[in-house]
Amino acid sequence: MGKRDASFDLEMPIVSKRYRPGTDNAPQPVPASWKIANMNDQHAYLRFSADADAAPRVGDLIGCGISHPCTTFDKWRVVFTVDDDYRVTGAIRTFF
């Protein structure tokens, strides 16, 4: 995820979940210390505590939310909706 994918006009995207394939049954909340520190065209830079138990691992999927929707709507013509199990349930066409 980078600037092409997510907006960051008021603040960086907000890290909310982590999913570890083969270990987790569902996405897990992340520690408050996990923050997107910077972004460039194709990458986001995740800062986190040095605590080994709280650190992400190679292969983890990291879920982020947007801090402000307007600049995301102009990047994407369609925004997908999901249920509590992260299954796609629909799509919303954007006109921004």
Protein backbone atom coordinates (compact mmCIF):
# COMPACT_ATOMS: atom_id res chain seq x y z
CA MET A 1 0.00 0.00 0.00
CA GLY A 2 1.31 3.40 -0.90
CA LYS A 3 0.24 6.87 -1.97
CA ARG A 4 -1.41 5.44 -5.08
CA ASP A 5 -3.68 3.27 -2.91
CA ALA A 6 -4.59 5.22 0.21
CA SER A 7 -5.14 8.83 1.10
CA PHE A 8 -3.19 10.70 3.74
CA ASP A 9 -4.21 14.34 3.72
CA LEU A 10 -5.04 14.85 7.43
CA GLU A 11 -2.97 12.00 8.84
CA MET A 12 -1.48 8.71 7.68
CA PRO A 13 -3.68 5.63 7.24
CA ILE A 14 -4.64 4.07 10.57
CA VAL A 15 -3.33 0.56 11.30
CA SER A 16 -6.20 -1.47 12.76
CA LYS A 17 -5.77 -5.23 12.27
CA ARG A 18 -3.22 -7.95 11.70
CA TYR A 19 -3.90 -11.40 10.28
CA ARG A 20 -1.30 -14.15 10.50
CA PRO A 21 -2.13 -16.95 8.03
CA GLY A 22 -1.84 -20.40 9.58
CA THR A 23 -2.08 -18.98 13.11
CA ASP A 24 -5.06 -16.64 13.36
CA ASN A 25 -8.67 -17.61 12.73
CA ALA A 26 -9.65 -13.98 12.27
CA PRO A 27 -7.96 -10.58 12.05
CA GLN A 28 -6.57 -9.44 15.39
CA PRO A 29 -6.31 -5.92 16.85
CA VAL A 30 -2.85 -4.38 16.74
CA PRO A 31 -0.97 -2.65 19.57
CA ALA A 32 -1.47 1.11 19.83
CA SER A 33 2.24 1.56 19.03
CA TRP A 34 1.71 0.42 15.41
CA LYS A 35 1.63 3.53 13.20
CA ILE A 36 2.21 4.29 9.54
CA ALA A 37 5.14 6.69 9.76
CA ASN A 38 5.56 7.59 6.10
CA MET A 39 4.41 6.65 2.63
CA ASN A 40 5.84 6.82 -0.83
CA ASP A 41 4.39 5.85 -4.18
CA GLN A 42 4.20 2.09 -3.58
CA HIS A 43 5.03 1.57 0.11
CA ALA A 44 3.87 2.42 3.62
CA TYR A 45 6.38 2.38 6.46
CA LEU A 46 5.10 0.74 9.65
CA ARG A 47 6.59 1.76 12.99
CA PHE A 48 6.07 -0.53 15.97
CA SER A 49 7.40 -1.35 19.41
CA ALA A 50 10.60 -3.42 19.61
CA ASP A 51 8.73 -5.92 21.83
CA ALA A 52 9.11 -9.24 19.96
CA ASP A 53 5.64 -10.43 21.01
CA ALA A 54 4.04 -7.32 19.49
CA ALA A 55 6.14 -7.13 16.33
CA PRO A 56 4.72 -8.05 12.93
CA ARG A 57 6.22 -11.02 11.12
CA VAL A 58 6.99 -11.67 7.48
CA GLY A 59 3.76 -12.87 5.86
CA ASP A 60 1.39 -11.03 8.21
CA LEU A 61 -1.44 -9.18 6.50
CA ILE A 62 -1.88 -5.68 7.91
CA GLY A 63 -5.25 -3.93 7.71
CA CYS A 64 -5.43 -0.15 7.59
CA GLY A 65 -8.23 2.34 7.58
CA ILE A 66 -8.27 5.79 6.08
CA SER A 67 -8.03 8.94 8.16
CA HIS A 68 -10.14 11.07 5.82
CA PRO A 69 -12.45 9.66 3.11
CA CYS A 70 -12.60 12.45 0.53
CA THR A 71 -9.16 11.92 -0.96
CA THR A 72 -9.74 8.17 -1.05
CA PHE A 73 -13.00 8.48 -2.97
CA ASP A 74 -11.26 10.37 -5.76
CA LYS A 75 -8.68 7.55 -6.09
CA TRP A 76 -11.20 4.69 -6.37
CA ARG A 77 -14.30 4.51 -8.58
CA VAL A 78 -15.64 1.60 -6.50
CA VAL A 79 -15.33 0.99 -2.76
CA PHE A 80 -16.18 -2.51 -1.55
CA THR A 81 -18.20 -3.20 1.59
CA VAL A 82 -17.39 -6.14 3.86
CA ASP A 83 -19.10 -7.93 6.73
CA ASP A 84 -17.61 -8.65 10.16
CA ASP A 85 -15.74 -11.64 8.69
CA TYR A 86 -14.21 -9.44 5.94
CA ARG A 87 -16.22 -11.08 3.16
CA VAL A 88 -17.10 -8.70 0.35
CA THR A 89 -20.83 -8.01 0.57
CA GLY A 90 -21.25 -5.28 -2.01
CA ALA A 91 -19.79 -2.31 -3.78
CA ILE A 92 -20.42 1.41 -3.70
CA ARG A 93 -19.75 3.44 -6.80
CA THR A 94 -18.11 6.78 -6.00
CA PHE A 95 -18.81 10.08 -7.71
CA PHE A 96 -16.35 12.57 -6.31
